[in-house]
Protein backbone atom coordinates (compact mmCIF):
# COMPACT_ATOMS: atom_id res chain seq x y z
CA MET A 1 0.00 0.00 0.00
CA PRO A 2 1.56 3.35 -1.00
CA TYR A 3 2.15 5.95 1.68
CA ASP A 4 -0.21 8.95 1.65
CA ALA A 5 1.61 12.08 2.84
CA THR A 6 -1.39 14.35 2.28
CA PRO A 7 -2.74 14.28 5.87
CA ILE A 8 0.64 15.27 7.31
CA ILE A 9 1.12 17.99 4.69
CA ASN A 10 -2.35 19.31 5.58
CA GLN A 11 -1.31 19.36 9.27
CA LEU A 12 1.86 21.30 8.37
CA CYS A 13 -0.21 23.78 6.35
CA GLU A 14 -2.56 24.31 9.30
CA ALA A 15 0.19 24.55 11.93
CA PHE A 16 2.58 26.70 9.89
CA PRO A 17 0.42 28.57 7.33
CA ASP A 18 3.05 31.26 6.74
CA CYS A 19 5.50 28.59 5.61
CA PHE A 20 3.53 25.70 4.07
CA ASN A 21 0.90 26.21 1.40
CA GLN A 22 -0.08 23.56 -1.12
CA ALA A 23 -1.59 25.98 -3.64
CA ALA A 24 1.26 28.52 -3.52
CA PRO A 25 4.32 26.90 -1.96
CA LYS A 26 7.32 29.00 -0.92
CA PRO A 27 10.93 27.82 -0.93
CA LEU A 28 11.70 26.38 2.49
CA LYS A 29 14.77 27.46 4.41
CA ILE A 30 17.74 25.13 4.47
CA GLY A 31 17.55 22.98 7.61
CA ILE A 32 13.81 23.26 8.14
CA GLY A 33 13.52 19.48 8.11
CA GLY A 34 15.69 19.24 11.21
CA GLU A 35 13.61 21.90 12.95
CA LEU A 36 10.43 19.98 12.17
CA LEU A 37 11.92 16.65 13.27
CA ALA A 38 12.77 18.25 16.61
CA LEU A 39 9.08 19.11 17.02
CA VAL A 40 7.84 15.53 16.47
CA GLY A 41 6.00 14.45 19.61
CA VAL A 42 6.30 17.98 21.07
CA HIS A 43 4.26 20.27 18.81
CA PRO A 44 0.51 19.51 18.90
CA ALA A 45 0.32 19.21 15.09
CA LEU A 46 3.13 16.64 15.12
CA ALA A 47 2.20 14.74 18.29
CA GLU A 48 0.97 11.64 16.44
CA VAL A 49 3.46 11.78 13.54
CA SER A 50 6.56 9.61 13.37
CA ARG A 51 9.89 10.96 12.20
CA THR A 52 9.73 8.66 9.16
CA GLN A 53 6.25 9.87 8.24
CA LEU A 54 7.38 13.50 8.54
CA ARG A 55 10.48 12.93 6.39
CA ARG A 56 8.34 11.27 3.72
CA ALA A 57 5.81 14.11 3.81
CA ILE A 58 8.52 16.78 3.47
CA THR A 59 10.09 14.86 0.59
CA PHE A 60 6.72 14.57 -1.12
CA TYR A 61 5.99 18.30 -0.60
CA THR A 62 9.37 19.45 -1.93
CA HIS A 63 9.23 17.19 -4.98
CA ARG A 64 5.85 18.46 -6.17
CA PHE A 65 5.81 20.44 -9.42
CA ALA A 66 4.43 23.60 -7.74
CA TYR A 67 7.21 23.62 -5.13
CA ARG A 68 9.93 23.01 -7.71
CA LYS A 69 8.49 25.81 -9.83
CA ALA A 70 8.62 28.19 -6.84
CA LEU A 71 12.21 27.19 -6.13
CA ALA A 72 13.18 27.66 -9.78
CA ALA A 73 11.78 31.22 -9.64
CA GLY A 74 14.34 32.08 -6.95
CA GLY A 75 14.00 34.63 -4.19
CA PRO A 76 13.91 34.17 -0.44
CA ARG A 77 13.53 30.93 1.47
CA TYR A 78 11.14 30.89 4.43
CA GLY A 79 11.25 29.53 7.96
CA LEU A 80 8.42 28.07 10.02
CA ASP A 81 7.45 31.58 11.16
CA GLY A 82 7.05 32.73 7.55
CA GLN A 83 10.02 35.09 7.76
CA PRO A 84 12.71 35.10 5.05
CA ALA A 85 15.67 32.91 5.99
CA GLY A 86 18.21 32.80 3.20
CA GLU A 87 17.98 32.95 -0.56
CA VAL A 88 17.62 30.38 -3.32
CA THR A 89 20.99 30.31 -5.08
CA PRO A 90 21.31 30.37 -8.88
CA ASP A 91 22.69 26.81 -8.73
CA GLN A 92 19.63 25.67 -6.79
CA GLN A 93 17.36 27.42 -9.28
CA THR A 94 19.01 25.66 -12.21
CA PHE A 95 19.05 22.27 -10.50
CA THR A 96 15.34 22.35 -9.62
CA LYS A 97 13.89 23.84 -12.77
CA PRO A 98 10.80 21.85 -13.65
CA PRO A 99 11.40 19.57 -16.59
CA ARG A 100 10.10 20.90 -19.86
CA ARG A 101 7.37 18.82 -21.35
CA LYS A 102 8.00 17.32 -24.72
CA PRO A 103 5.67 18.61 -27.42
CA ALA A 104 3.11 16.11 -28.58
CA ALA A 105 4.29 14.06 -31.53
CA PRO A 106 2.50 14.93 -34.76
CA ALA A 107 0.09 12.37 -36.04
CA THR A 108 1.69 10.07 -38.56
CA THR A 109 0.22 7.99 -41.30
CA GLY A 110 2.62 5.12 -40.78
CA GLY A 111 6.29 4.67 -41.36
CA ALA A 112 9.14 4.96 -38.89
CA ALA A 113 8.93 7.25 -35.90
CA ASP A 114 11.11 10.35 -35.93
CA PRO A 115 14.02 9.55 -33.59
CA ALA A 116 14.42 13.25 -32.72
CA ILE A 117 10.93 13.27 -31.20
CA ASP A 118 11.43 10.02 -29.27
CA CYS A 119 14.77 11.03 -27.72
CA PRO A 120 14.57 12.32 -24.15
CA GLU A 121 15.63 15.91 -23.59
CA GLN A 122 19.09 16.42 -22.18
């Protein structure tokens, strides 16, 4: 059965609304995972969450297209209090740019496929 991180992400959005937002995510400050792990079992929103569940939820949140798009745009990173805490570096922007989608292949009437269209982007 696959793990569903959505309930924990919803808890993070409720507990830290100035930091976590599924519709309009902000780049998270470096080290925020450690801060959150320290709150497991202490903070009311994380009282029933295991460290493994939290790590999986953070990984899921930061790998979503909307988060990667926000990171690629650059700008400040944000802490749990919603205050700026560092900047997204140009290297981080380049590394996390959302992959470009390949254009749809034109309809063909038979024959061999165009290898340029079938090749993955590099």
